[in-house]
Amino acid sequence: SSDLTLRIFSVQERRLLLRVKSYIHANSCAFSGDSRLIASGGKGDLILFDAETFAEVRRIEHQSQPIINSVTFDPSSRYIASGTGGHNREPTLVHVFEVATGEEVFRFEHQEDVISVSWSPCANLVASASLDKTVRIHDLSFLKYRRRRAIQAVVEEVNQ
């Protein structure tokens, strides 16, 4: 909300469960696929909260401090994508970050503000919609190979 809160509601009980104070104006929020994290995006930062304790787990900074309009986790909860709007003539981008490290692993530019991002259930595709009147589909199947290489590097390091 623009009042700097993230609110958690029980749909079954039809009531507010918790109001978490944030440090940024949030435009979008999403639960991770495993329901362990909640992401909140607003001006510049993507904040990950523990879904049980609501404590801040990680803050992922976008270098150019854009407005984050949309966030989505991949089905495995290993990656998170954000769609941003231009700020001070900065490009409008789709960013993909590794949740565990906060490292950016992919980015794609639109001509105008990205207003929505969505991850496919197969975990290979991210769709982004923009004010430039386009919907783009980004193939992120290379992330599977990235994970394999990272695991293989750890195994090799342990074996040495």
N, C-alpha and C. Protein backbone atom coordinates (compact mmCIF):
# COMPACT_ATOMS: atom_id res chain seq x y z
N SER A 1 0.83 -1.19 0.00
CA SER A 1 0.00 0.00 0.00
C SER A 1 0.87 1.25 0.00
N SER A 2 0.29 2.36 -0.40
CA SER A 2 1.02 3.63 -0.37
C SER A 2 1.22 4.14 1.06
N ASP A 3 0.57 3.50 2.04
CA ASP A 3 0.78 3.89 3.44
C ASP A 3 1.97 3.12 4.06
N LEU A 4 2.81 2.52 3.19
CA LEU A 4 4.02 1.80 3.59
C LEU A 4 3.73 0.55 4.42
N THR A 5 2.65 -0.14 4.11
CA THR A 5 2.35 -1.39 4.79
C THR A 5 2.12 -2.50 3.78
N LEU A 6 2.39 -3.71 4.23
CA LEU A 6 2.06 -4.93 3.50
C LEU A 6 1.04 -5.62 4.38
N ARG A 7 -0.13 -5.92 3.86
CA ARG A 7 -1.21 -6.49 4.67
C ARG A 7 -1.49 -7.93 4.25
N ILE A 8 -1.63 -8.78 5.25
CA ILE A 8 -1.89 -10.19 5.03
C ILE A 8 -3.31 -10.47 5.50
N PHE A 9 -4.12 -11.01 4.60
CA PHE A 9 -5.51 -11.30 4.91
C PHE A 9 -5.78 -12.79 4.88
N SER A 10 -6.71 -13.25 5.69
CA SER A 10 -7.22 -14.61 5.62
C SER A 10 -8.48 -14.57 4.77
N VAL A 11 -8.45 -15.25 3.65
CA VAL A 11 -9.62 -15.28 2.78
C VAL A 11 -10.74 -16.07 3.45
N GLN A 12 -10.40 -17.19 4.07
CA GLN A 12 -11.41 -18.02 4.73
C GLN A 12 -12.09 -17.28 5.88
N GLU A 13 -11.29 -16.58 6.69
CA GLU A 13 -11.84 -15.88 7.84
C GLU A 13 -12.33 -14.47 7.50
N ARG A 14 -11.98 -14.01 6.30
CA ARG A 14 -12.37 -12.69 5.83
C ARG A 14 -11.96 -11.59 6.81
N ARG A 15 -10.67 -11.66 7.20
CA ARG A 15 -10.18 -10.63 8.12
C ARG A 15 -8.68 -10.38 7.90
N LEU A 16 -8.26 -9.22 8.36
CA LEU A 16 -6.85 -8.86 8.32
C LEU A 16 -6.10 -9.64 9.38
N LEU A 17 -5.04 -10.36 8.98
CA LEU A 17 -4.25 -11.12 9.94
C LEU A 17 -3.08 -10.30 10.48
N LEU A 18 -2.45 -9.54 9.59
CA LEU A 18 -1.26 -8.83 10.00
C LEU A 18 -1.00 -7.65 9.08
N ARG A 19 -0.48 -6.60 9.64
CA ARG A 19 -0.04 -5.43 8.87
C ARG A 19 1.45 -5.27 9.15
N VAL A 20 2.28 -5.42 8.12
CA VAL A 20 3.73 -5.34 8.25
C VAL A 20 4.17 -3.98 7.76
N LYS A 21 4.91 -3.26 8.59
CA LYS A 21 5.44 -1.96 8.19
C LYS A 21 6.59 -2.16 7.23
N SER A 22 6.54 -1.43 6.14
CA SER A 22 7.60 -1.51 5.14
C SER A 22 8.34 -0.18 5.13
N TYR A 23 9.42 -0.12 4.37
CA TYR A 23 10.19 1.11 4.27
C TYR A 23 9.98 1.78 2.92
N ILE A 24 9.22 1.12 2.08
CA ILE A 24 8.99 1.66 0.74
C ILE A 24 7.52 1.57 0.39
N HIS A 25 7.10 2.39 -0.52
CA HIS A 25 5.78 2.31 -1.09
C HIS A 25 5.75 1.07 -1.98
N ALA A 26 4.85 0.15 -1.71
CA ALA A 26 4.81 -1.12 -2.44
C ALA A 26 3.75 -1.07 -3.53
N ASN A 27 4.11 -1.48 -4.74
CA ASN A 27 3.18 -1.55 -5.86
C ASN A 27 2.69 -2.96 -6.11
N SER A 28 3.47 -3.96 -5.70
CA SER A 28 3.16 -5.33 -6.04
C SER A 28 3.69 -6.26 -4.97
N CYS A 29 3.02 -7.40 -4.80
CA CYS A 29 3.51 -8.41 -3.87
C CYS A 29 3.15 -9.78 -4.42
N ALA A 30 3.88 -10.80 -3.97
CA ALA A 30 3.65 -12.16 -4.44
C ALA A 30 4.15 -13.16 -3.42
N PHE A 31 3.47 -14.28 -3.31
CA PHE A 31 3.94 -15.40 -2.50
C PHE A 31 4.85 -16.27 -3.37
N SER A 32 5.88 -16.84 -2.76
CA SER A 32 6.72 -17.81 -3.47
C SER A 32 5.92 -19.09 -3.68
N GLY A 33 6.34 -19.90 -4.62
CA GLY A 33 5.65 -21.15 -4.93
C GLY A 33 5.58 -22.11 -3.76
N ASP A 34 6.58 -22.05 -2.87
CA ASP A 34 6.57 -22.92 -1.70
C ASP A 34 5.92 -22.25 -0.49
N SER A 35 5.37 -21.06 -0.67
CA SER A 35 4.66 -20.28 0.36
C SER A 35 5.54 -19.90 1.55
N ARG A 36 6.85 -19.94 1.39
CA ARG A 36 7.75 -19.57 2.49
C ARG A 36 8.11 -18.10 2.49
N LEU A 37 8.01 -17.44 1.32
CA LEU A 37 8.40 -16.04 1.21
C LEU A 37 7.28 -15.19 0.61
N ILE A 38 7.31 -13.92 0.96
CA ILE A 38 6.45 -12.92 0.33
C ILE A 38 7.38 -11.85 -0.21
N ALA A 39 7.19 -11.49 -1.47
CA ALA A 39 7.99 -10.43 -2.07
C ALA A 39 7.13 -9.17 -2.18
N SER A 40 7.76 -8.04 -1.97
CA SER A 40 7.09 -6.76 -2.09
C SER A 40 8.00 -5.84 -2.88
N GLY A 41 7.46 -5.19 -3.89
CA GLY A 41 8.26 -4.31 -4.73
C GLY A 41 7.65 -2.92 -4.80
N GLY A 42 8.50 -1.92 -4.77
CA GLY A 42 8.06 -0.53 -4.86
C GLY A 42 9.13 0.30 -5.51
N LYS A 43 9.60 1.34 -4.83
CA LYS A 43 10.63 2.20 -5.40
C LYS A 43 12.01 1.63 -5.09
N GLY A 44 12.65 1.10 -6.11
CA GLY A 44 14.05 0.71 -6.01
C GLY A 44 14.37 -0.64 -5.43
N ASP A 45 13.68 -1.05 -4.37
CA ASP A 45 14.03 -2.29 -3.69
C ASP A 45 12.95 -3.34 -3.83
N LEU A 46 13.41 -4.58 -3.90
CA LEU A 46 12.54 -5.74 -3.85
C LEU A 46 12.80 -6.36 -2.49
N ILE A 47 11.79 -6.45 -1.64
CA ILE A 47 11.98 -6.93 -0.28
C ILE A 47 11.32 -8.29 -0.14
N LEU A 48 12.07 -9.26 0.42
CA LEU A 48 11.54 -10.59 0.67
C LEU A 48 11.31 -10.75 2.17
N PHE A 49 10.10 -11.17 2.53
CA PHE A 49 9.72 -11.39 3.92
C PHE A 49 9.49 -12.87 4.15
N ASP A 50 9.80 -13.35 5.36
CA ASP A 50 9.45 -14.70 5.77
C ASP A 50 7.93 -14.73 5.94
N ALA A 51 7.26 -15.70 5.33
CA ALA A 51 5.79 -15.75 5.34
C ALA A 51 5.22 -16.17 6.69
N GLU A 52 6.04 -16.73 7.57
CA GLU A 52 5.55 -17.10 8.91
C GLU A 52 5.80 -16.00 9.93
N THR A 53 7.01 -15.47 9.94
CA THR A 53 7.37 -14.47 10.95
C THR A 53 7.21 -13.04 10.45
N PHE A 54 7.15 -12.88 9.13
CA PHE A 54 7.06 -11.58 8.45
C PHE A 54 8.30 -10.72 8.67
N ALA A 55 9.38 -11.36 9.06
CA ALA A 55 10.66 -10.65 9.20
C ALA A 55 11.28 -10.49 7.81
N GLU A 56 11.99 -9.40 7.61
CA GLU A 56 12.67 -9.18 6.33
C GLU A 56 13.81 -10.18 6.20
N VAL A 57 13.83 -10.91 5.07
CA VAL A 57 14.83 -11.94 4.81
C VAL A 57 15.94 -11.41 3.91
N ARG A 58 15.57 -10.68 2.89
CA ARG A 58 16.55 -10.17 1.92
C ARG A 58 15.98 -8.92 1.27
N ARG A 59 16.90 -8.02 0.96
CA ARG A 59 16.55 -6.83 0.20
C ARG A 59 17.37 -6.85 -1.07
N ILE A 60 16.71 -6.86 -2.21
CA ILE A 60 17.40 -6.89 -3.50
C ILE A 60 17.26 -5.51 -4.11
N GLU A 61 18.39 -4.83 -4.26
CA GLU A 61 18.37 -3.48 -4.80
C GLU A 61 18.50 -3.51 -6.31
N HIS A 62 17.69 -2.71 -6.96
CA HIS A 62 17.82 -2.49 -8.39
C HIS A 62 18.77 -1.30 -8.54
N GLN A 63 19.78 -1.43 -9.35
CA GLN A 63 20.84 -0.42 -9.44
C GLN A 63 20.33 0.97 -9.75
N SER A 64 19.38 1.10 -10.65
CA SER A 64 18.95 2.44 -11.08
C SER A 64 17.78 2.99 -10.26
N GLN A 65 17.38 2.27 -9.20
CA GLN A 65 16.27 2.69 -8.33
C GLN A 65 14.98 2.97 -9.11
N PRO A 66 14.54 2.02 -9.95
CA PRO A 66 13.31 2.22 -10.71
C PRO A 66 12.08 2.00 -9.82
N ILE A 67 10.93 2.20 -10.40
CA ILE A 67 9.68 1.85 -9.75
C ILE A 67 9.36 0.41 -10.13
N ILE A 68 9.22 -0.47 -9.15
CA ILE A 68 8.88 -1.87 -9.41
C ILE A 68 7.36 -1.98 -9.45
N ASN A 69 6.85 -2.36 -10.61
CA ASN A 69 5.40 -2.44 -10.82
C ASN A 69 4.84 -3.83 -10.60
N SER A 70 5.67 -4.86 -10.74
CA SER A 70 5.16 -6.22 -10.67
C SER A 70 6.27 -7.17 -10.25
N VAL A 71 5.91 -8.17 -9.44
CA VAL A 71 6.87 -9.21 -9.03
C VAL A 71 6.22 -10.58 -9.16
N THR A 72 7.04 -11.60 -9.46
CA THR A 72 6.56 -12.97 -9.57
C THR A 72 7.70 -13.94 -9.29
N PHE A 73 7.42 -15.01 -8.59
CA PHE A 73 8.39 -16.07 -8.34
C PHE A 73 8.24 -17.15 -9.40
N ASP A 74 9.34 -17.86 -9.68
CA ASP A 74 9.22 -19.05 -10.51
C ASP A 74 8.61 -20.16 -9.64
N PRO A 75 8.04 -21.21 -10.25
CA PRO A 75 7.38 -22.26 -9.47
C PRO A 75 8.26 -22.93 -8.43
N SER A 76 9.58 -22.98 -8.66
CA SER A 76 10.48 -23.63 -7.70
C SER A 76 10.89 -22.69 -6.57
N SER A 77 10.55 -21.43 -6.67
CA SER A 77 10.91 -20.38 -5.70
C SER A 77 12.40 -20.09 -5.67
N ARG A 78 13.13 -20.48 -6.70
CA ARG A 78 14.57 -20.20 -6.78
C ARG A 78 14.85 -18.83 -7.39
N TYR A 79 13.93 -18.35 -8.21
CA TYR A 79 14.12 -17.09 -8.92
C TYR A 79 12.91 -16.20 -8.72
N ILE A 80 13.16 -14.90 -8.86
CA ILE A 80 12.08 -13.92 -8.80
C ILE A 80 12.29 -12.92 -9.92
N ALA A 81 11.20 -12.54 -10.56
CA ALA A 81 11.26 -11.56 -11.64
C ALA A 81 10.53 -10.30 -11.21
N SER A 82 11.04 -9.17 -11.69
CA SER A 82 10.37 -7.90 -11.43
C SER A 82 10.24 -7.13 -12.74
N GLY A 83 9.14 -6.41 -12.85
CA GLY A 83 8.92 -5.53 -13.99
C GLY A 83 8.97 -4.10 -13.49
N THR A 84 9.77 -3.25 -14.17
CA THR A 84 10.01 -1.91 -13.66
C THR A 84 9.52 -0.83 -14.61
N GLY A 85 9.33 0.33 -14.03
CA GLY A 85 8.99 1.52 -14.80
C GLY A 85 10.18 2.46 -14.83
N GLY A 86 10.21 3.30 -15.83
CA GLY A 86 11.32 4.23 -15.96
C GLY A 86 11.34 5.24 -14.83
N HIS A 87 12.53 5.63 -14.45
CA HIS A 87 12.75 6.62 -13.40
C HIS A 87 13.95 7.44 -13.83
N ASN A 88 13.77 8.74 -13.96
CA ASN A 88 14.86 9.60 -14.43
C ASN A 88 15.41 9.13 -15.77
N ARG A 89 14.50 8.78 -16.66
CA ARG A 89 14.86 8.34 -18.02
C ARG A 89 15.66 7.03 -18.06
N GLU A 90 15.58 6.25 -17.01
CA GLU A 90 16.23 4.93 -16.99
C GLU A 90 15.41 3.98 -17.86
N PRO A 91 16.05 2.92 -18.38
CA PRO A 91 15.29 1.95 -19.18
C PRO A 91 14.28 1.20 -18.33
N THR A 92 13.23 0.73 -18.97
CA THR A 92 12.23 -0.08 -18.28
C THR A 92 12.56 -1.54 -18.58
N LEU A 93 12.68 -2.32 -17.51
CA LEU A 93 13.26 -3.65 -17.65
C LEU A 93 12.46 -4.72 -16.93
N VAL A 94 12.67 -5.95 -17.39
CA VAL A 94 12.33 -7.14 -16.64
C VAL A 94 13.65 -7.63 -16.05
N HIS A 95 13.70 -7.77 -14.73
CA HIS A 95 14.89 -8.27 -14.05
C HIS A 95 14.56 -9.65 -13.50
N VAL A 96 15.51 -10.57 -13.54
CA VAL A 96 15.36 -11.87 -12.90
C VAL A 96 16.54 -12.04 -11.95
N PHE A 97 16.20 -12.34 -10.68
CA PHE A 97 17.20 -12.50 -9.63
C PHE A 97 17.14 -13.90 -9.05
N GLU A 98 18.29 -14.37 -8.59
CA GLU A 98 18.34 -15.60 -7.82
C GLU A 98 17.93 -15.24 -6.39
N VAL A 99 16.92 -15.92 -5.85
CA VAL A 99 16.39 -15.59 -4.53
C VAL A 99 17.45 -15.76 -3.45
N ALA A 100 18.21 -16.85 -3.49
CA ALA A 100 19.18 -17.16 -2.42
C ALA A 100 20.30 -16.14 -2.32
N THR A 101 20.72 -15.58 -3.45
CA THR A 101 21.88 -14.67 -3.43
C THR A 101 21.53 -13.22 -3.74
N GLY A 102 20.39 -12.99 -4.38
CA GLY A 102 20.04 -11.64 -4.81
C GLY A 102 20.74 -11.24 -6.10
N GLU A 103 21.49 -12.17 -6.70
CA GLU A 103 22.23 -11.89 -7.92
C GLU A 103 21.29 -11.81 -9.12
N GLU A 104 21.48 -10.77 -9.95
CA GLU A 104 20.70 -10.66 -11.18
C GLU A 104 21.26 -11.64 -12.21
N VAL A 105 20.37 -12.46 -12.81
CA VAL A 105 20.81 -13.46 -13.77
C VAL A 105 20.29 -13.20 -15.18
N PHE A 106 19.37 -12.24 -15.33
CA PHE A 106 18.78 -11.97 -16.63
C PHE A 106 18.12 -10.60 -16.58
N ARG A 107 18.11 -9.91 -17.72
CA ARG A 107 17.33 -8.68 -17.86
C ARG A 107 16.93 -8.49 -19.31
N PHE A 108 15.77 -7.87 -19.51
CA PHE A 108 15.27 -7.62 -20.84
C PHE A 108 14.58 -6.27 -20.85
N GLU A 109 14.82 -5.47 -21.87
CA GLU A 109 14.30 -4.10 -21.92
C GLU A 109 13.03 -3.99 -22.75
N HIS A 110 12.10 -3.18 -22.28
CA HIS A 110 10.92 -2.75 -23.04
C HIS A 110 11.10 -1.27 -23.36
N GLN A 111 10.27 -0.75 -24.26
CA GLN A 111 10.35 0.67 -24.62
C GLN A 111 9.68 1.58 -23.59
N GLU A 112 8.66 1.05 -22.91
CA GLU A 112 7.95 1.82 -21.89
C GLU A 112 7.77 0.95 -20.65
N ASP A 113 7.14 1.52 -19.62
CA ASP A 113 7.02 0.83 -18.33
C ASP A 113 6.50 -0.60 -18.47
N VAL A 114 7.15 -1.52 -17.76
CA VAL A 114 6.67 -2.90 -17.64
C VAL A 114 5.65 -2.90 -16.51
N ILE A 115 4.42 -3.27 -16.83
CA ILE A 115 3.36 -3.19 -15.82
C ILE A 115 2.99 -4.53 -15.21
N SER A 116 3.43 -5.63 -15.85
CA SER A 116 3.10 -6.94 -15.31
C SER A 116 4.12 -7.97 -15.77
N VAL A 117 4.49 -8.88 -14.85
CA VAL A 117 5.32 -10.03 -15.19
C VAL A 117 4.68 -11.27 -14.60
N SER A 118 4.81 -12.39 -15.30
CA SER A 118 4.21 -13.64 -14.84
C SER A 118 5.08 -14.81 -15.28
N TRP A 119 5.31 -15.75 -14.37
CA TRP A 119 6.14 -16.92 -14.66
C TRP A 119 5.23 -18.07 -15.05
N SER A 120 5.62 -18.84 -16.05
CA SER A 120 4.83 -19.99 -16.50
C SER A 120 4.96 -21.14 -15.51
N PRO A 121 3.94 -22.00 -15.41
CA PRO A 121 4.02 -23.17 -14.53
C PRO A 121 5.16 -24.12 -14.89
N CYS A 122 5.58 -24.13 -16.16
CA CYS A 122 6.68 -25.01 -16.57
C CYS A 122 8.05 -24.46 -16.14
N ALA A 123 8.07 -23.23 -15.64
CA ALA A 123 9.26 -22.57 -15.11
C ALA A 123 10.28 -22.16 -16.17
N ASN A 124 9.97 -22.31 -17.44
CA ASN A 124 10.91 -21.93 -18.49
C ASN A 124 10.62 -20.55 -19.09
N LEU A 125 9.42 -20.04 -18.88
CA LEU A 125 9.02 -18.81 -19.56
C LEU A 125 8.55 -17.74 -18.59
N VAL A 126 8.91 -16.49 -18.91
CA VAL A 126 8.39 -15.33 -18.19
C VAL A 126 7.73 -14.44 -19.23
N ALA A 127 6.49 -14.03 -18.94
CA ALA A 127 5.78 -13.10 -19.82
C ALA A 127 5.85 -11.72 -19.18
N SER A 128 6.01 -10.70 -20.02
CA SER A 128 6.01 -9.32 -19.52
C SER A 128 5.10 -8.48 -20.42
N ALA A 129 4.30 -7.63 -19.77
CA ALA A 129 3.40 -6.73 -20.49
C ALA A 129 3.85 -5.31 -20.20
N SER A 130 3.79 -4.47 -21.23
CA SER A 130 4.33 -3.12 -21.11
C SER A 130 3.37 -2.08 -21.66
N LEU A 131 3.57 -0.84 -21.22
CA LEU A 131 2.81 0.27 -21.79
C LEU A 131 3.20 0.54 -23.24
N ASP A 132 4.24 -0.14 -23.74
CA ASP A 132 4.60 0.00 -25.15
C ASP A 132 3.70 -0.87 -26.04
N LYS A 133 2.64 -1.42 -25.42
CA LYS A 133 1.62 -2.22 -26.10
C LYS A 133 2.15 -3.55 -26.61
N THR A 134 3.12 -4.10 -25.89
CA THR A 134 3.65 -5.42 -26.25
C THR A 134 3.56 -6.35 -25.06
N VAL A 135 3.43 -7.63 -25.37
CA VAL A 135 3.61 -8.70 -24.40
C VAL A 135 4.76 -9.53 -24.95
N ARG A 136 5.77 -9.71 -24.14
CA ARG A 136 6.95 -10.45 -24.59
C ARG A 136 7.09 -11.71 -23.76
N ILE A 137 7.52 -12.77 -24.42
CA ILE A 137 7.76 -14.05 -23.76
C ILE A 137 9.26 -14.27 -23.75
N HIS A 138 9.82 -14.48 -22.57
CA HIS A 138 11.26 -14.65 -22.41
C HIS A 138 11.53 -16.11 -22.04
N ASP A 139 12.37 -16.77 -22.84
CA ASP A 139 12.72 -18.16 -22.58
C ASP A 139 13.89 -18.20 -21.60
N LEU A 140 13.65 -18.72 -20.40
CA LEU A 140 14.67 -18.78 -19.36
C LEU A 140 15.12 -20.21 -19.08
N SER A 141 14.98 -21.08 -20.07
CA SER A 141 15.38 -22.47 -19.87
C SER A 141 16.87 -22.59 -19.56
N PHE A 142 17.67 -21.59 -19.94
CA PHE A 142 19.10 -21.62 -19.63
C PHE A 142 19.35 -21.63 -18.13
N LEU A 143 18.39 -21.19 -17.31
CA LEU A 143 18.59 -21.19 -15.86
C LEU A 143 18.74 -22.60 -15.30
N LYS A 144 18.11 -23.58 -15.95
CA LYS A 144 18.28 -24.97 -15.52
C LYS A 144 19.74 -25.39 -15.64
N TYR A 145 20.36 -25.01 -16.75
CA TYR A 145 21.77 -25.35 -16.97
C TYR A 145 22.66 -24.58 -16.01
N ARG A 146 22.28 -23.36 -15.70
CA ARG A 146 23.02 -22.55 -14.73
C ARG A 146 23.03 -23.24 -13.37
N ARG A 147 21.88 -23.76 -12.93
CA ARG A 147 21.79 -24.46 -11.65
C ARG A 147 22.67 -25.70 -11.67
N ARG A 148 22.64 -26.46 -12.78
CA ARG A 148 23.46 -27.67 -12.88
C ARG A 148 24.94 -27.33 -12.78
N ARG A 149 25.37 -26.26 -13.48
CA ARG A 149 26.77 -25.85 -13.43
C ARG A 149 27.17 -25.43 -12.02
N ALA A 150 26.30 -24.71 -11.33
CA ALA A 150 26.60 -24.26 -9.97
C ALA A 150 26.74 -25.45 -9.02
N ILE A 151 25.85 -26.42 -9.15
CA ILE A 151 25.92 -27.62 -8.30
C ILE A 151 27.19 -28.41 -8.63
N GLN A 152 27.49 -28.54 -9.91
CA GLN A 152 28.68 -29.27 -10.32
C GLN A 152 29.94 -28.59 -9.78
N ALA A 153 30.00 -27.26 -9.78
CA ALA A 153 31.16 -26.52 -9.27
C ALA A 153 31.34 -26.77 -7.78
N VAL A 154 30.24 -26.83 -7.02
CA VAL A 154 30.31 -27.10 -5.58
C VAL A 154 30.83 -28.51 -5.34
N VAL A 155 30.32 -29.48 -6.10
CA VAL A 155 30.77 -30.87 -5.97
C VAL A 155 32.25 -30.99 -6.28
N GLU A 156 32.70 -30.34 -7.34
CA GLU A 156 34.11 -30.39 -7.71
C GLU A 156 34.98 -29.76 -6.62
N GLU A 157 34.51 -28.66 -6.05
CA GLU A 157 35.27 -27.98 -4.98
C GLU A 157 35.39 -28.88 -3.75
N VAL A 158 34.31 -29.56 -3.39
CA VAL A 158 34.32 -30.48 -2.25
C VAL A 158 35.26 -31.64 -2.50
N ASN A 159 35.29 -32.15 -3.73
CA ASN A 159 36.13 -33.29 -4.07
C ASN A 159 37.61 -32.96 -4.09
N GLN A 160 37.94 -31.68 -4.22
CA GLN A 160 39.35 -31.27 -4.28
C GLN A 160 39.85 -31.18 -2.91
